[in-house]
Protein backbone atom coordinates (compact mmCIF):
# COMPACT_ATOMS: atom_id res chain seq x y z
CA MET A 1 26.64 157.71 78.47
CA HIS A 2 30.36 157.17 78.09
CA LEU A 3 30.88 158.77 81.48
CA LEU A 4 28.40 156.41 83.14
CA TYR A 5 30.01 153.45 81.39
CA GLY A 6 33.43 154.52 82.61
CA LEU A 7 32.14 155.02 86.16
CA GLY A 8 30.55 151.56 86.07
CA ILE A 9 33.78 149.94 84.93
CA ALA A 10 35.76 151.81 87.58
CA LEU A 11 33.30 150.82 90.31
CA LEU A 12 33.55 147.18 89.25
CA MET A 13 37.34 147.39 89.45
CA LEU A 14 37.20 148.84 92.95
CA THR A 15 34.73 146.15 94.01
CA TYR A 16 37.10 143.58 92.56
CA ALA A 17 39.94 145.16 94.52
CA PHE A 18 38.00 144.80 97.75
CA VAL A 19 36.97 141.18 97.08
CA VAL A 20 40.47 140.16 96.04
CA ALA A 21 41.99 141.79 99.11
CA GLU A 22 39.55 140.03 101.43
CA PHE A 23 40.15 136.71 99.66
CA THR A 24 43.90 137.26 99.92
CA GLU A 25 43.68 137.76 103.67
CA ALA A 26 41.59 134.62 104.13
CA ARG A 27 43.87 132.59 101.87
CA THR A 28 47.02 133.92 103.55
CA ALA A 29 45.61 133.10 106.98
CA MET A 30 44.88 129.56 105.80
CA VAL A 31 48.37 129.18 104.35
CA GLY A 32 49.78 130.70 107.52
CA ARG A 33 48.06 128.06 109.61
CA ARG A 34 49.72 125.36 107.52
CA LEU A 35 53.16 126.96 107.37
CA LEU A 36 53.30 128.00 111.01
CA GLN A 37 52.20 124.68 112.50
CA PRO A 38 52.35 123.85 115.32
CA TRP A 39 51.93 127.50 116.22
CA ALA A 40 48.77 128.36 114.31
CA HIS A 41 45.85 129.72 116.27
CA THR A 42 42.79 127.49 115.91
CA SER A 43 39.61 127.12 117.92
CA LYS A 44 39.27 124.09 120.14
CA GLY A 45 36.12 124.08 122.22
CA ALA A 46 35.80 127.36 124.06
CA GLY A 47 39.47 128.21 124.05
CA MET A 48 42.64 128.13 121.96
CA THR A 49 44.90 125.22 121.24
CA ILE A 50 48.37 125.27 122.73
CA ALA A 51 51.64 124.63 120.92
CA ARG A 52 52.95 121.11 121.36
CA GLU A 53 55.56 120.78 124.04
CA GLY A 54 59.06 120.90 122.65
CA SER A 55 58.05 123.00 119.64
CA ALA A 56 60.44 125.73 118.56
CA LEU A 57 59.13 129.16 119.52
CA ILE A 58 58.68 131.84 116.89
CA ARG A 59 59.52 135.54 116.92
CA VAL A 60 56.67 137.70 115.65
CA HIS A 61 57.15 141.08 113.97
CA LEU A 62 53.83 142.92 113.85
CA GLY A 63 53.28 145.77 111.39
CA CYS A 64 56.54 144.90 109.65
CA GLY A 65 56.13 147.13 106.58
CA LEU A 66 59.15 146.77 104.32
CA ASN A 67 61.42 145.53 107.13
CA THR A 68 61.19 141.74 106.86
CA PRO A 69 64.29 140.11 108.37
CA SER A 70 64.70 136.34 108.24
CA GLY A 71 64.12 134.50 111.47
CA TRP A 72 60.96 136.49 112.20
CA VAL A 73 57.33 135.89 111.25
CA ASN A 74 56.68 139.23 109.54
CA VAL A 75 53.03 140.30 109.71
CA ASP A 76 51.32 143.28 108.09
CA GLY A 77 47.68 144.09 107.48
CA SER A 78 47.91 147.34 105.53
CA TRP A 79 46.17 147.77 102.18
CA ASN A 80 49.52 148.54 100.57
CA ALA A 81 50.81 145.15 101.72
CA ARG A 82 47.68 143.40 100.48
CA LEU A 83 47.65 145.09 97.09
CA SER A 84 51.36 144.38 96.62
CA LYS A 85 50.38 140.79 95.87
CA HIS A 86 48.30 142.02 92.91
CA PRO A 87 50.50 144.25 90.72
CA ILE A 88 47.95 144.43 87.88
CA LEU A 89 45.31 145.63 90.32
CA ARG A 90 47.68 148.22 91.76
CA ARG A 91 48.34 149.57 88.27
CA ALA A 92 44.58 149.70 87.61
CA LEU A 93 44.02 151.72 90.77
CA HIS A 94 46.77 154.09 89.68
CA ALA A 95 45.12 154.46 86.26
CA LEU A 96 41.94 155.54 88.08
CA HIS A 97 44.03 158.18 89.96
CA VAL A 98 43.28 156.36 93.20
CA THR A 99 46.90 155.62 94.16
CA SER A 100 50.10 157.45 93.36
CA ALA A 101 52.83 156.11 91.08
CA ASP A 102 55.36 155.83 93.90
CA LYS A 103 53.19 153.25 95.73
CA ILE A 104 53.27 150.97 92.70
CA LYS A 105 57.06 150.75 92.91
CA VAL A 106 57.29 149.92 96.63
CA PRO A 107 59.23 146.60 96.92
CA TRP A 108 57.00 144.62 99.30
CA ASN A 109 58.25 141.21 100.36
CA PRO A 110 55.85 138.54 98.99
CA GLY A 111 56.55 136.39 102.05
CA ILE A 112 54.74 138.76 104.44
CA LEU A 113 51.88 137.15 106.35
CA ILE A 114 48.86 139.34 105.62
CA HIS A 115 46.63 139.67 108.66
CA ASP A 116 44.20 142.27 110.02
CA LEU A 117 45.79 143.14 113.35
CA ARG A 118 42.44 144.28 114.72
CA THR A 119 41.43 140.63 114.86
CA PRO A 120 42.88 137.73 116.93
CA LEU A 121 46.44 136.84 116.00
CA PRO A 122 46.77 133.65 113.88
CA PHE A 123 49.07 131.89 116.36
CA ARG A 124 48.48 129.36 119.09
CA ASP A 125 48.71 130.04 122.79
CA GLY A 126 52.26 130.07 124.09
CA SER A 127 53.84 129.71 120.65
CA ALA A 128 56.10 132.79 120.56
CA SER A 129 59.22 133.81 122.45
CA THR A 130 59.04 137.43 121.27
CA VAL A 131 56.50 139.86 119.84
CA HIS A 132 57.73 143.20 118.51
CA SER A 133 55.81 146.09 117.00
CA SER A 134 56.99 149.56 116.02
CA HIS A 135 54.75 152.54 115.30
CA LEU A 136 51.73 150.27 114.99
CA LEU A 137 49.68 150.58 118.19
CA GLU A 138 48.85 154.26 117.64
CA HIS A 139 47.12 153.33 114.37
CA LEU A 140 44.49 151.37 116.30
CA TYR A 141 41.55 152.72 118.24
CA PHE A 142 42.10 152.48 121.99
CA GLU A 143 39.99 149.34 122.49
CA GLU A 144 41.59 147.65 119.47
CA GLY A 145 45.03 148.43 120.87
CA GLN A 146 44.18 146.94 124.25
CA ARG A 147 42.87 143.78 122.57
CA LEU A 148 46.10 143.47 120.58
CA ILE A 149 48.21 143.77 123.73
CA ARG A 150 46.11 141.02 125.35
CA GLU A 151 46.50 138.90 122.21
CA THR A 152 50.28 139.19 122.38
CA HIS A 153 50.11 138.02 125.98
CA ARG A 154 48.14 134.98 124.83
CA VAL A 155 50.52 133.93 122.05
CA LEU A 156 53.68 134.45 124.11
CA ALA A 157 55.15 131.54 126.04
CA GLU A 158 55.79 132.03 129.72
CA GLY A 159 58.88 134.21 130.03
CA GLY A 160 58.27 135.58 126.52
CA ILE A 161 58.84 139.25 125.79
CA LEU A 162 56.62 141.93 124.27
CA ARG A 163 58.38 145.06 123.03
CA ILE A 164 56.33 147.96 121.68
CA VAL A 165 57.65 151.14 120.07
CA VAL A 166 55.24 154.07 119.69
CA PRO A 167 55.56 157.80 118.99
CA ASP A 168 56.16 159.59 122.28
CA LEU A 169 53.22 161.81 123.22
CA GLY A 170 55.40 163.28 125.96
CA SER A 171 57.93 164.55 123.43
CA ILE A 172 55.15 166.13 121.37
CA VAL A 173 53.85 167.96 124.44
CA ARG A 174 57.35 169.10 125.43
CA GLU A 175 57.87 170.50 121.94
CA TYR A 176 54.60 172.42 122.25
CA LEU A 177 55.88 173.88 125.53
CA GLY A 178 59.03 175.14 123.82
CA GLU A 179 61.56 172.35 124.33
CA ARG A 180 63.46 170.63 121.52
CA PRO A 181 63.02 166.87 122.09
CA PHE A 182 63.20 166.26 118.33
CA GLY A 183 66.49 168.13 117.93
CA GLU A 184 67.07 171.41 116.15
CA ALA A 185 64.19 172.43 113.92
CA SER A 186 64.56 172.97 110.19
CA ASN A 187 63.62 176.35 108.74
CA GLY A 188 60.17 175.14 107.70
CA VAL A 189 59.43 173.69 111.12
CA GLU A 190 60.86 176.76 112.83
CA ARG A 191 58.26 178.97 111.16
CA ALA A 192 55.34 176.73 112.13
CA CYS A 193 53.14 177.64 115.09
CA SER A 194 53.34 175.38 118.14
CA ALA A 195 49.74 174.23 117.71
CA ASP A 196 50.38 173.39 114.06
CA LEU A 197 53.43 171.36 115.05
CA VAL A 198 51.36 169.37 117.54
CA ASN A 199 48.85 168.50 114.84
CA GLN A 200 51.61 167.52 112.42
CA ARG A 201 53.22 165.26 115.03
CA LEU A 202 49.94 163.66 116.08
CA LEU A 203 49.11 162.67 112.48
CA MET A 204 45.44 162.28 113.32
CA ARG A 205 44.46 163.75 109.97
CA SER A 206 46.13 165.06 106.84
CA SER A 207 46.55 168.83 106.54
CA ALA A 208 44.90 168.68 103.10
CA PRO A 209 41.34 167.52 102.38
CA PRO A 210 40.89 164.26 100.49
CA SER A 211 40.82 164.28 96.71
CA ASP A 212 37.54 165.09 94.96
CA ASN A 213 37.99 161.86 93.00
CA PHE A 214 35.16 159.59 94.17
CA PHE A 215 37.21 156.42 93.87
CA SER A 216 40.11 158.04 95.68
CA ARG A 217 37.74 158.88 98.53
CA VAL A 218 36.55 155.26 98.70
CA TYR A 219 40.13 154.01 98.70
CA ASN A 220 41.15 156.51 101.39
CA SER A 221 38.27 155.35 103.59
CA TRP A 222 39.74 151.84 103.37
CA MET A 223 43.17 153.27 104.15
CA ASP A 224 42.02 154.85 107.41
CA PHE A 225 44.33 152.46 109.26
CA HIS A 226 47.22 154.73 108.26
CA THR A 227 46.10 157.62 110.47
CA HIS A 228 46.79 157.79 114.19
CA LYS A 229 43.91 156.98 116.54
CA TRP A 230 45.35 156.96 120.07
CA MET A 231 48.68 158.22 121.39
CA TYR A 232 50.76 157.03 124.34
CA ASP A 233 53.54 158.18 126.60
CA ALA A 234 55.81 155.86 128.58
CA ASN A 235 53.63 155.77 131.69
CA SER A 236 50.39 155.05 129.86
CA LEU A 237 51.87 152.26 127.76
CA LYS A 238 53.49 150.68 130.83
CA HIS A 239 50.13 150.81 132.60
CA HIS A 240 48.27 149.12 129.75
CA MET A 241 50.88 146.38 129.40
CA GLU A 242 50.79 145.69 133.14
CA SER A 243 46.98 145.61 133.00
CA ALA A 244 47.24 142.92 130.32
CA GLY A 245 49.33 140.77 132.68
CA PHE A 246 52.93 141.68 131.79
CA VAL A 247 55.56 142.04 134.51
CA GLU A 248 58.95 143.72 134.70
CA VAL A 249 57.57 146.36 132.34
CA ARG A 250 60.07 149.11 131.71
CA GLN A 251 61.28 151.64 129.18
CA MET A 252 64.27 150.54 127.11
CA ALA A 253 66.79 152.50 125.10
CA LEU A 254 67.31 151.84 121.40
CA HIS A 255 68.60 148.26 120.96
CA GLU A 256 68.90 147.85 124.74
CA ARG A 257 67.74 144.32 124.94
CA ARG A 258 66.46 141.26 126.59
CA ILE A 259 65.73 140.08 123.02
CA ASP A 260 68.40 138.64 120.75
CA GLY A 261 68.42 140.25 117.31
CA ILE A 262 66.31 143.28 118.30
CA GLU A 263 68.43 145.46 116.00
CA GLN A 264 66.97 143.53 113.03
CA VAL A 265 63.50 144.97 113.58
CA GLU A 266 64.09 148.19 115.52
CA ASN A 267 64.78 151.20 113.30
CA PRO A 268 66.84 153.97 114.99
CA SER A 269 64.95 156.68 113.09
CA ARG A 270 61.73 155.54 114.80
CA VAL A 271 63.21 155.90 118.29
CA LEU A 272 65.98 158.51 118.48
CA LYS A 273 65.52 162.29 118.86
CA GLY A 274 62.13 161.94 120.50
CA GLU A 275 60.58 159.95 117.64
CA GLY A 276 59.56 157.01 119.79
CA ILE A 277 59.68 155.18 123.10
CA CYS A 278 60.39 151.46 123.61
CA ILE A 279 58.45 149.68 126.34
CA GLU A 280 59.17 146.05 127.11
CA GLY A 281 57.45 143.54 129.36
CA ILE A 282 57.61 139.84 130.19
CA LYS A 283 54.80 137.30 130.37
CA PRO A 284 55.20 135.89 133.87
CA VAL A 285 56.26 132.33 134.55
CA ARG A 286 53.67 130.55 136.64
CA GLY A 287 54.73 128.41 139.56
CA PRO A 288 58.20 127.93 141.06
CA SER A 289 60.89 129.46 138.89
CA PRO A 290 64.58 130.30 139.38
CA GLY A 291 63.85 133.76 137.95
CA SER A 292 62.32 135.68 135.09
CA ALA A 293 65.18 136.23 132.72
CA GLY A 294 62.87 136.19 129.70
CA LEU A 295 63.04 134.23 126.49
CA SER A 296 64.90 135.33 123.39
């Protein structure tokens, strides 16, 4: 009887967690529309409204995590980011052995705009000069990723720049074939089989099965966003960006830029030693133009 009572209480707490998180996203989106005016994305007839002429353009940082520099609209849709706004709830989930103690202590910025990046971006057409994402796209299913790329094209002003950093599938394949794109291996990595290394790099699934804790399993099903769904190399990402309408799409070195302040959001450890590739493209300027130098 006590066990059933405890399970009932725990289930109620998890249900509360889900409802609060969904409410938080809706409330944050509403606040975002107020705070980001005139850039907020709202429906108007069959299409989207457009930022008023003369409005200052924003710089959007998608999947920001803990890196939230000023001067950027920092957006994250992870459950960790959502739950960070509810410390009591996070502690309750830890008490149920659903989350680990280290996640409770993560210093999330309360100013993050919470948004599910699988849905349309909460910004108006042509309202951004720059959109940057790092190690985000691979967490989306292929179709979701293509929709997000098209969404960035919509919210960018003409001449605006999209820069995407993803893990490099090419480097993972080269490592499997015996090269060392990630640098010299540590002793533990050295002993691993090539196939095991590929699976570790792909991060499609954890090497260990999920916990037997029922509530932990429920929580982990919500956290599925944190596994990789689709991987890219430079050529494939260039192709998909060009298909979405971007021009002058090319691979960039770390902090090589057509974007002012790119070093604020681009982490060297996510790019160097084979860890990632940077692909950048420009939304074309329609009509006569002296050139496509891009906005920053």
